[in-house]
N, C-alpha and C. Protein backbone atom coordinates (compact mmCIF):
# COMPACT_ATOMS: atom_id res chain seq x y z
N MET A 1 -6.42 67.61 27.86
CA MET A 1 -6.25 66.60 29.33
C MET A 1 -7.57 66.28 29.02
N LYS A 2 -8.32 67.21 28.58
CA LYS A 2 -10.06 66.81 29.13
C LYS A 2 -10.33 65.48 28.24
N ILE A 3 -9.63 65.77 26.89
CA ILE A 3 -10.22 64.52 25.95
C ILE A 3 -9.87 63.34 26.45
N TRP A 4 -8.09 63.14 27.74
CA TRP A 4 -7.99 61.97 27.55
C TRP A 4 -8.77 61.34 28.73
N ARG A 5 -9.26 62.34 29.88
CA ARG A 5 -10.10 62.05 30.75
C ARG A 5 -11.48 61.53 30.06
N ILE A 6 -11.85 62.13 28.81
CA ILE A 6 -13.58 61.30 28.30
C ILE A 6 -12.98 59.95 28.08
N TYR A 7 -11.50 59.93 27.43
CA TYR A 7 -11.38 58.94 26.92
C TYR A 7 -10.89 57.33 28.16
N ILE A 8 -10.56 58.24 28.80
CA ILE A 8 -9.89 56.99 30.07
C ILE A 8 -11.99 57.06 30.63
N ALA A 9 -12.70 57.63 31.14
CA ALA A 9 -14.08 57.06 30.96
C ALA A 9 -15.01 56.06 30.57
N PHE A 10 -14.40 56.13 28.63
CA PHE A 10 -15.46 55.58 27.98
C PHE A 10 -14.36 54.23 27.88
N ILE A 11 -12.99 53.91 28.57
CA ILE A 11 -12.44 52.97 28.41
C ILE A 11 -13.32 51.93 29.54
N HIS A 12 -13.33 53.06 30.75
CA HIS A 12 -13.95 51.88 31.73
C HIS A 12 -15.18 51.51 32.00
N LYS A 13 -16.23 53.03 31.34
CA LYS A 13 -17.56 52.03 30.95
C LYS A 13 -17.74 51.45 29.96
N TYR A 14 -16.72 50.92 28.84
CA TYR A 14 -17.17 50.10 27.73
C TYR A 14 -15.55 49.90 27.64
N PRO A 15 -15.39 48.70 28.13
CA PRO A 15 -13.75 48.33 28.15
C PRO A 15 -13.82 47.55 26.66
N ILE A 16 -14.59 46.65 26.18
CA ILE A 16 -14.55 46.00 25.16
C ILE A 16 -14.44 47.15 23.90
N TRP A 17 -15.70 47.19 23.74
CA TRP A 17 -16.04 48.84 22.29
C TRP A 17 -14.65 49.50 22.54
N GLY A 18 -14.72 50.05 23.94
CA GLY A 18 -13.55 51.06 23.84
C GLY A 18 -11.63 50.84 23.38
N GLN A 19 -12.01 49.51 23.95
CA GLN A 19 -10.26 49.41 22.97
C GLN A 19 -10.68 48.62 21.78
N ILE A 20 -11.62 48.44 21.00
CA ILE A 20 -12.32 48.06 19.84
C ILE A 20 -11.86 49.58 19.37
N ALA A 21 -12.43 50.16 19.51
CA ALA A 21 -12.40 51.89 19.05
C ALA A 21 -11.12 52.25 18.74
N THR A 22 -10.51 51.97 19.99
CA THR A 22 -8.92 52.63 19.96
C THR A 22 -8.00 51.82 18.78
N THR A 23 -8.55 50.93 18.63
CA THR A 23 -7.54 50.15 17.88
C THR A 23 -7.44 50.09 16.72
N GLY A 24 -9.32 50.44 16.37
CA GLY A 24 -9.48 50.54 14.67
C GLY A 24 -8.63 52.02 14.33
N THR A 25 -9.48 53.57 15.51
CA THR A 25 -8.79 54.71 14.75
C THR A 25 -6.96 54.85 14.82
N LEU A 26 -6.81 54.25 15.86
CA LEU A 26 -5.40 54.41 15.53
C LEU A 26 -4.72 53.16 14.08
N THR A 27 -4.99 52.34 14.06
CA THR A 27 -5.41 51.63 12.79
C THR A 27 -5.04 52.40 11.14
N GLY A 28 -6.39 53.12 11.35
CA GLY A 28 -6.30 54.16 10.48
C GLY A 28 -5.34 55.30 10.62
N LEU A 29 -5.47 55.48 11.76
CA LEU A 29 -3.92 56.89 11.96
C LEU A 29 -2.94 56.23 11.11
N GLY A 30 -2.86 55.13 11.38
CA GLY A 30 -1.02 54.27 11.17
C GLY A 30 -1.33 54.52 9.78
N ASP A 31 -2.53 54.27 8.66
CA ASP A 31 -2.29 54.41 7.39
C ASP A 31 -1.92 56.04 7.03
N ILE A 32 -2.64 56.44 7.60
CA ILE A 32 -2.29 58.29 7.19
C ILE A 32 -1.13 58.52 7.18
N ILE A 33 -0.36 58.42 8.45
CA ILE A 33 1.57 58.82 8.84
C ILE A 33 1.84 57.79 7.88
N SER A 34 1.06 56.50 6.88
CA SER A 34 2.16 55.88 6.37
C SER A 34 2.08 56.48 4.88
N GLN A 35 0.94 57.19 4.40
CA GLN A 35 0.81 57.65 3.09
C GLN A 35 1.29 58.97 2.74
N GLN A 36 1.15 59.83 3.74
CA GLN A 36 1.81 60.92 4.26
C GLN A 36 3.16 61.36 4.51
N VAL A 37 3.87 60.60 5.72
CA VAL A 37 5.36 60.68 6.45
C VAL A 37 5.92 59.46 5.08
N ILE A 38 5.39 58.13 4.86
CA ILE A 38 6.58 57.44 4.88
C ILE A 38 6.13 57.11 3.06
N GLU A 39 5.47 57.19 2.15
CA GLU A 39 4.69 57.43 0.76
C GLU A 39 4.99 59.13 0.61
N ARG A 40 4.68 59.45 0.83
CA ARG A 40 4.86 61.15 0.83
C ARG A 40 3.50 61.71 -0.55
N ARG A 41 2.47 61.15 0.31
CA ARG A 41 1.36 61.25 -1.37
C ARG A 41 0.59 62.55 -1.39
N GLY A 42 0.92 63.19 -0.27
CA GLY A 42 0.41 64.18 -0.19
C GLY A 42 -0.94 64.66 -0.22
N THR A 43 -1.48 65.45 -1.45
CA THR A 43 -2.78 65.60 -1.76
C THR A 43 -3.36 64.17 -2.55
N ASN A 44 -2.41 63.10 -2.98
CA ASN A 44 -2.92 61.83 -3.43
C ASN A 44 -3.77 60.80 -2.32
N HIS A 45 -3.54 61.39 -1.25
CA HIS A 45 -4.03 60.00 -0.52
C HIS A 45 -5.65 59.87 -0.79
N ASP A 46 -5.21 58.03 -0.79
CA ASP A 46 -6.06 56.82 -0.62
C ASP A 46 -7.27 56.96 0.68
N ILE A 47 -8.07 57.91 0.59
CA ILE A 47 -9.05 57.55 1.58
C ILE A 47 -9.39 56.18 1.35
N ILE A 48 -9.92 55.51 0.40
CA ILE A 48 -10.62 54.32 0.58
C ILE A 48 -10.01 53.33 1.31
N ARG A 49 -8.38 53.90 1.08
CA ARG A 49 -7.21 52.40 1.71
C ARG A 49 -7.30 52.86 3.20
N THR A 50 -7.52 54.17 3.67
CA THR A 50 -7.67 54.35 4.75
C THR A 50 -8.62 53.88 5.47
N ILE A 51 -9.78 54.08 4.75
CA ILE A 51 -10.51 53.45 5.45
C ILE A 51 -10.90 52.11 5.73
N ARG A 52 -9.96 51.32 4.38
CA ARG A 52 -9.78 49.84 4.83
C ARG A 52 -9.08 49.27 5.67
N MET A 53 -7.93 50.00 6.09
CA MET A 53 -7.41 49.61 6.88
C MET A 53 -7.54 50.07 8.60
N ALA A 54 -8.73 51.28 8.46
CA ALA A 54 -9.40 51.36 9.63
C ALA A 54 -10.53 50.08 9.89
N SER A 55 -11.13 49.55 8.82
CA SER A 55 -11.98 48.50 9.07
C SER A 55 -11.30 47.35 9.58
N ILE A 56 -10.48 46.91 8.95
CA ILE A 56 -9.65 45.65 9.35
C ILE A 56 -9.12 46.18 11.20
N GLY A 57 -8.77 47.16 11.60
CA GLY A 57 -8.41 47.76 12.68
C GLY A 57 -10.09 47.47 13.54
N PHE A 58 -10.96 47.60 13.39
CA PHE A 58 -12.22 47.89 14.05
C PHE A 58 -13.24 46.27 14.06
N CYS A 59 -12.83 45.56 12.85
CA CYS A 59 -13.62 44.53 12.76
C CYS A 59 -12.56 43.44 12.97
N LEU A 60 -11.11 43.52 12.41
CA LEU A 60 -10.18 42.52 12.89
C LEU A 60 -9.61 42.27 13.94
N THR A 61 -8.66 43.55 13.72
CA THR A 61 -7.62 43.71 14.80
C THR A 61 -7.91 43.45 16.11
N GLY A 62 -8.93 44.69 16.11
CA GLY A 62 -9.45 45.17 17.74
C GLY A 62 -10.45 44.02 18.45
N PRO A 63 -11.05 43.30 17.75
CA PRO A 63 -11.86 42.34 18.76
C PRO A 63 -10.45 40.91 18.72
N ALA A 64 -9.64 40.74 17.69
CA ALA A 64 -9.54 39.70 18.34
C ALA A 64 -7.93 40.22 18.87
N LEU A 65 -7.68 41.29 19.62
CA LEU A 65 -7.00 41.78 20.32
C LEU A 65 -7.49 41.72 21.86
N VAL A 66 -8.46 42.10 21.96
CA VAL A 66 -9.69 42.02 23.19
C VAL A 66 -9.41 40.55 23.26
N THR A 67 -10.12 39.70 22.93
CA THR A 67 -9.73 37.85 22.71
C THR A 67 -9.49 37.20 23.31
N TRP A 68 -7.95 37.65 22.40
CA TRP A 68 -6.42 37.48 22.89
C TRP A 68 -5.99 37.59 24.18
N TYR A 69 -6.23 38.64 24.89
CA TYR A 69 -5.29 39.04 25.99
C TYR A 69 -5.99 39.04 27.03
N ARG A 70 -7.86 38.29 26.82
CA ARG A 70 -8.19 37.94 27.78
C ARG A 70 -8.22 36.38 28.21
N PHE A 71 -7.64 35.68 26.65
CA PHE A 71 -7.97 34.73 26.89
C PHE A 71 -6.34 34.17 27.60
N LEU A 72 -5.41 34.89 27.29
CA LEU A 72 -3.99 35.08 28.16
C LEU A 72 -4.42 35.32 29.36
N ASP A 73 -4.89 35.93 29.88
CA ASP A 73 -5.15 36.47 31.26
C ASP A 73 -5.82 35.21 32.18
N ARG A 74 -7.00 34.65 31.46
CA ARG A 74 -7.44 33.14 31.96
C ARG A 74 -6.60 32.29 32.22
N VAL A 75 -5.64 31.76 30.86
CA VAL A 75 -4.78 30.56 30.33
C VAL A 75 -3.37 30.87 31.34
N ILE A 76 -2.91 31.89 31.27
CA ILE A 76 -1.57 31.94 32.58
C ILE A 76 -1.83 32.64 33.61
N LYS A 77 -1.98 32.26 34.84
CA LYS A 77 -1.99 33.06 35.92
C LYS A 77 -1.32 32.94 37.13
N PRO A 78 -1.19 34.03 37.75
CA PRO A 78 -0.10 33.66 38.75
C PRO A 78 -0.41 32.62 40.13
N PRO A 79 -0.21 32.01 40.51
CA PRO A 79 1.61 32.24 41.02
C PRO A 79 2.32 31.67 40.11
N MET A 80 1.74 31.24 38.62
CA MET A 80 3.20 30.80 37.47
C MET A 80 4.50 31.34 37.81
N LYS A 81 5.29 31.25 37.83
CA LYS A 81 6.61 31.61 37.24
C LYS A 81 6.26 32.72 36.06
N TYR A 82 7.33 33.82 35.92
CA TYR A 82 7.10 34.27 34.81
C TYR A 82 6.08 34.35 33.86
N VAL A 83 5.15 34.87 34.38
CA VAL A 83 3.87 35.14 34.18
C VAL A 83 3.64 35.96 32.69
N PRO A 84 4.10 37.38 32.67
CA PRO A 84 4.29 37.90 31.39
C PRO A 84 5.14 37.52 30.55
N LEU A 85 6.43 37.12 30.85
CA LEU A 85 7.58 36.44 29.80
C LEU A 85 6.75 34.70 29.19
N ARG A 86 5.94 34.42 29.91
CA ARG A 86 4.85 33.29 29.25
C ARG A 86 4.13 33.90 28.25
N LYS A 87 3.27 35.01 28.67
CA LYS A 87 2.50 35.78 27.73
C LYS A 87 2.95 36.41 26.60
N LEU A 88 4.13 36.71 26.60
CA LEU A 88 4.83 37.42 25.57
C LEU A 88 5.24 36.18 24.66
N VAL A 89 5.89 34.90 25.08
CA VAL A 89 6.31 34.07 24.17
C VAL A 89 4.74 33.57 23.63
N CYS A 90 3.87 33.31 24.13
CA CYS A 90 2.54 32.72 23.23
C CYS A 90 2.46 33.88 22.47
N ASP A 91 2.34 35.28 22.91
CA ASP A 91 1.80 36.15 22.28
C ASP A 91 2.61 36.45 20.69
N GLN A 92 3.99 36.52 20.90
CA GLN A 92 5.10 36.23 19.66
C GLN A 92 5.02 35.01 18.75
N VAL A 93 4.75 33.67 19.56
CA VAL A 93 5.06 32.23 18.72
C VAL A 93 3.50 32.47 18.18
N LEU A 94 2.06 32.41 19.07
CA LEU A 94 0.68 32.12 18.09
C LEU A 94 -0.11 33.10 17.80
N PHE A 95 -0.27 34.00 18.27
CA PHE A 95 -0.85 35.58 17.90
C PHE A 95 -0.26 35.93 16.77
N SER A 96 0.92 36.36 16.92
CA SER A 96 1.76 37.43 16.12
C SER A 96 1.71 36.93 14.85
N PRO A 97 2.04 35.56 14.31
CA PRO A 97 1.68 35.00 12.54
C PRO A 97 0.26 34.69 12.64
N CYS A 98 -0.47 34.58 12.86
CA CYS A 98 -1.76 34.36 12.96
C CYS A 98 -2.21 35.72 12.13
N ILE A 99 -2.24 36.96 13.35
CA ILE A 99 -2.96 38.09 13.37
C ILE A 99 -2.18 39.03 12.06
N MET A 100 -0.98 38.61 11.81
CA MET A 100 -0.04 39.13 10.70
C MET A 100 -0.67 38.74 9.35
N ALA A 101 -0.92 37.60 9.34
CA ALA A 101 -1.30 37.16 8.17
C ALA A 101 -3.11 37.30 7.81
N SER A 102 -3.60 36.85 9.11
CA SER A 102 -4.41 37.63 8.76
C SER A 102 -5.32 39.00 8.29
N ILE A 103 -3.97 40.06 8.49
CA ILE A 103 -4.33 41.94 8.13
C ILE A 103 -3.97 41.86 6.79
N PHE A 104 -2.92 40.95 6.37
CA PHE A 104 -2.27 40.66 4.57
C PHE A 104 -3.68 40.00 4.18
N THR A 105 -4.27 39.31 4.43
CA THR A 105 -5.25 38.54 3.91
C THR A 105 -6.41 39.19 3.13
N THR A 106 -6.88 39.71 5.16
CA THR A 106 -7.67 40.97 4.50
C THR A 106 -7.93 42.47 3.74
N SER A 107 -6.53 42.94 3.94
CA SER A 107 -6.30 44.03 3.32
C SER A 107 -6.72 43.65 1.59
N MET A 108 -5.56 42.59 1.40
CA MET A 108 -6.02 42.33 0.09
C MET A 108 -6.89 41.79 -0.55
N LEU A 109 -8.09 41.21 0.00
CA LEU A 109 -9.50 40.79 -0.10
C LEU A 109 -10.34 42.18 -0.26
N LEU A 110 -10.03 42.77 0.51
CA LEU A 110 -10.92 44.05 0.65
C LEU A 110 -10.73 45.31 -0.42
N SER A 111 -9.08 44.66 -1.08
CA SER A 111 -8.49 45.66 -2.20
C SER A 111 -9.35 45.32 -3.46
N GLY A 112 -9.84 43.98 -3.44
CA GLY A 112 -9.95 42.95 -4.71
C GLY A 112 -9.42 42.05 -5.35
N LYS A 113 -8.24 41.49 -4.54
CA LYS A 113 -7.38 40.75 -4.91
C LYS A 113 -8.13 39.20 -4.83
N ASN A 114 -7.52 38.80 -6.13
CA ASN A 114 -7.48 37.11 -5.87
C ASN A 114 -6.50 36.24 -5.15
N LEU A 115 -7.08 35.16 -4.79
CA LEU A 115 -6.22 34.74 -4.08
C LEU A 115 -4.61 34.22 -4.77
N LYS A 116 -4.69 34.04 -5.76
CA LYS A 116 -3.42 33.98 -6.37
C LYS A 116 -2.40 35.30 -6.19
N ASP A 117 -3.48 36.39 -5.75
CA ASP A 117 -2.50 37.57 -5.63
C ASP A 117 -2.12 37.92 -4.14
N ILE A 118 -3.27 37.32 -3.26
CA ILE A 118 -3.22 36.89 -1.88
C ILE A 118 -1.66 36.28 -1.85
N GLU A 119 -1.51 35.02 -2.77
CA GLU A 119 -0.70 34.13 -2.10
C GLU A 119 1.00 34.71 -2.73
N ASN A 120 1.04 35.11 -3.67
CA ASN A 120 2.26 36.29 -3.62
C ASN A 120 2.74 37.06 -3.02
N LYS A 121 1.38 37.91 -2.57
CA LYS A 121 2.10 38.86 -1.22
C LYS A 121 2.82 38.40 -0.22
N LEU A 122 1.76 37.00 0.00
CA LEU A 122 2.13 36.73 1.33
C LEU A 122 3.82 36.16 1.36
N ARG A 123 4.20 35.40 0.15
CA ARG A 123 5.18 35.20 -0.21
C ARG A 123 6.19 36.26 -0.39
N GLN A 124 6.13 37.40 -0.78
CA GLN A 124 6.89 38.21 -1.03
C GLN A 124 6.64 39.32 0.66
N ASP A 125 5.94 39.41 0.83
CA ASP A 125 6.51 40.47 2.19
C ASP A 125 5.93 40.02 3.48
N TYR A 126 5.18 38.83 3.48
CA TYR A 126 4.87 38.33 4.95
C TYR A 126 6.02 37.90 6.24
N PRO A 127 7.46 37.15 4.84
CA PRO A 127 7.96 36.32 6.05
C PRO A 127 9.06 37.86 6.52
N THR A 128 9.02 39.31 6.10
CA THR A 128 9.84 40.49 6.10
C THR A 128 9.20 41.10 7.10
N ALA A 129 7.92 40.83 7.40
CA ALA A 129 6.94 42.05 8.21
C ALA A 129 6.62 40.98 9.50
N LEU A 130 6.93 39.56 8.97
CA LEU A 130 6.75 39.21 10.44
C LEU A 130 8.51 39.38 11.24
N VAL A 131 9.42 39.38 10.78
CA VAL A 131 11.04 39.19 11.48
C VAL A 131 10.52 40.66 11.87
N ASN A 132 10.02 41.59 11.44
CA ASN A 132 10.26 43.07 12.21
C ASN A 132 9.20 43.33 12.66
N SER A 133 8.18 42.16 13.08
CA SER A 133 7.46 42.19 14.22
C SER A 133 7.94 41.57 15.27
N TYR A 134 9.12 40.35 15.03
CA TYR A 134 9.67 40.30 16.28
C TYR A 134 10.50 41.68 16.71
N LYS A 135 11.18 42.34 15.63
CA LYS A 135 12.34 43.47 16.28
C LYS A 135 11.49 44.32 17.01
N PHE A 136 10.20 44.68 16.65
CA PHE A 136 9.67 45.55 16.93
C PHE A 136 8.59 45.50 18.44
N TRP A 137 8.03 44.28 18.32
CA TRP A 137 7.01 43.93 19.58
C TRP A 137 7.70 43.66 21.17
N PRO A 138 8.28 42.57 21.02
CA PRO A 138 8.27 41.92 22.27
C PRO A 138 9.16 43.15 23.06
N ALA A 139 9.81 44.19 22.78
CA ALA A 139 9.81 45.25 23.64
C ALA A 139 8.47 45.58 24.24
N ALA A 140 7.91 46.37 23.25
CA ALA A 140 6.96 46.80 23.91
C ALA A 140 5.93 46.16 24.73
N GLN A 141 5.78 44.30 24.13
CA GLN A 141 4.68 43.85 24.86
C GLN A 141 5.29 43.19 26.10
N ILE A 142 6.47 43.65 26.55
CA ILE A 142 7.20 43.27 27.78
C ILE A 142 6.52 44.52 28.73
N ILE A 143 6.43 45.81 28.50
CA ILE A 143 5.59 46.64 28.86
C ILE A 143 4.11 45.99 29.31
N THR A 144 3.65 45.77 28.34
CA THR A 144 2.19 45.58 27.97
C THR A 144 1.97 44.37 29.39
N PHE A 145 2.89 42.93 29.68
CA PHE A 145 2.61 41.91 29.82
C PHE A 145 2.81 42.10 31.34
N TYR A 146 4.28 43.59 31.82
CA TYR A 146 4.56 43.65 33.18
C TYR A 146 4.24 44.48 33.96
N VAL A 147 3.38 45.28 33.06
CA VAL A 147 3.41 46.74 34.15
C VAL A 147 1.53 46.71 34.08
N LEU A 148 1.08 46.57 32.82
CA LEU A 148 0.06 47.49 32.89
C LEU A 148 -1.81 46.63 33.01
N PRO A 149 -2.20 46.87 34.15
CA PRO A 149 -3.43 46.12 33.75
C PRO A 149 -3.87 45.84 32.40
N LEU A 150 -5.21 44.89 32.64
CA LEU A 150 -5.64 44.88 31.37
C LEU A 150 -6.56 45.03 30.36
N GLU A 151 -7.58 46.24 31.62
CA GLU A 151 -8.39 47.34 30.52
C GLU A 151 -7.07 48.45 29.85
N TYR A 152 -5.81 49.01 29.92
CA TYR A 152 -5.17 49.45 29.95
C TYR A 152 -4.32 49.14 28.46
N ARG A 153 -4.27 48.13 28.55
CA ARG A 153 -3.27 46.67 27.45
C ARG A 153 -3.85 47.02 26.04
N ILE A 154 -4.95 47.30 25.46
CA ILE A 154 -5.42 47.50 24.23
C ILE A 154 -4.79 49.17 24.03
N PRO A 155 -5.46 50.15 24.73
CA PRO A 155 -4.74 51.54 24.05
C PRO A 155 -3.28 51.79 24.52
N TYR A 156 -2.92 50.64 25.23
CA TYR A 156 -0.94 50.91 25.36
C TYR A 156 -0.61 50.55 23.67
N VAL A 157 -0.93 49.26 23.87
CA VAL A 157 -0.75 48.61 22.21
C VAL A 157 -1.21 49.59 21.36
N ALA A 158 -2.25 49.75 21.26
CA ALA A 158 -2.47 50.36 20.56
C ALA A 158 -1.87 52.03 19.80
N VAL A 159 -1.50 52.55 20.70
CA VAL A 159 -0.50 53.78 20.69
C VAL A 159 0.87 53.39 20.26
N ALA A 160 0.96 52.44 20.85
CA ALA A 160 2.96 51.92 20.67
C ALA A 160 2.51 51.36 19.00
N SER A 161 1.85 50.80 18.90
CA SER A 161 1.22 50.78 17.13
C SER A 161 1.27 51.57 16.68
N LEU A 162 1.18 52.83 16.69
CA LEU A 162 1.30 53.46 15.24
C LEU A 162 2.32 53.68 14.24
N LEU A 163 2.94 53.62 14.93
CA LEU A 163 4.71 53.17 14.14
C LEU A 163 4.33 51.99 13.28
N TRP A 164 4.06 50.91 13.98
CA TRP A 164 3.77 49.28 13.55
C TRP A 164 2.68 49.49 12.33
N ASN A 165 2.08 50.80 12.68
CA ASN A 165 0.75 50.48 11.73
C ASN A 165 0.72 50.99 10.59
N ALA A 166 1.67 52.59 10.88
CA ALA A 166 2.57 52.38 9.27
C ALA A 166 3.25 51.76 8.98
N TYR A 167 3.68 51.04 9.01
CA TYR A 167 5.13 50.00 8.38
C TYR A 167 4.05 49.28 7.90
N LEU A 168 3.12 48.68 8.50
CA LEU A 168 2.08 47.76 8.10
C LEU A 168 1.24 48.35 7.20
N ALA A 169 0.46 48.94 6.78
CA ALA A 169 -0.25 49.73 6.43
C ALA A 169 0.70 50.18 4.81
N TRP A 170 1.99 50.36 5.02
CA TRP A 170 2.63 50.69 3.67
C TRP A 170 3.14 49.12 3.11
N ILE A 171 3.36 48.17 3.86
CA ILE A 171 4.14 46.95 3.37
C ILE A 171 2.89 46.04 2.69
N THR A 172 1.84 46.21 3.68
CA THR A 172 0.31 45.66 2.85
C THR A 172 0.18 46.10 1.73
N ASN A 173 0.07 47.61 1.17
CA ASN A 173 -0.41 48.35 0.46
C ASN A 173 0.72 48.50 -0.78
N LYS A 174 2.03 48.06 -0.37
CA LYS A 174 2.83 48.48 -1.75
C LYS A 174 2.84 47.49 -2.61
N SER A 175 2.84 47.95 -4.50
CA SER A 175 2.89 47.21 -5.14
C SER A 175 3.89 45.73 -4.50
N TYR A 176 3.66 44.12 -5.32
CA TYR A 176 4.22 43.58 -5.43
C TYR A 176 3.91 42.77 -6.53
N LYS A 177 5.48 41.59 -6.41
CA LYS A 177 5.62 40.87 -8.42
C LYS A 177 4.37 40.42 -8.22
N THR A 178 4.09 40.02 -9.12
CA THR A 178 3.17 39.17 -9.79
C THR A 178 3.83 37.95 -10.27
N SER A 179 4.22 36.21 -10.20
CA SER A 179 4.44 35.58 -10.91
C SER A 179 3.57 34.91 -11.94
N VAL A 180 4.60 34.74 -12.94
CA VAL A 180 3.75 34.65 -14.75
C VAL A 180 3.70 32.88 -14.44
């Protein structure tokens, strides 16, 4: 409980950095879960991959989420009817496809893959990941936009995304078919 209080104090004192740190940490943890639970790697854990995924959380996903949620709060304001639903639709239609493609691309680039490899990976796995995103995130985002104040959205989404991050770490790092 003391750790939680320290974390909440940190989030309140440094809301942007706290949210980014939360996202990066939980993205790395998602990769650990992916490697140990889904892939059952045991002692063959790829620490470089975990660092790469955490870096994506710290440097790409975290800042993008902070910026996006602040943008939504500035643009879609009460007294507009159905504000949370409008935010959800914007999030799923505009943000999700872009951030997902960015995560795939960044992961592949950091893995040393070339543009053709990235194109093949996006063709093979991006549509499936996006469809699965649409199955997973709307319920979580309804809570985000209907219930939570701005400063708790990133931590909540980050925790909700542990399972998603494990899936995303797996699908972005699984082998892909190369075209001849």
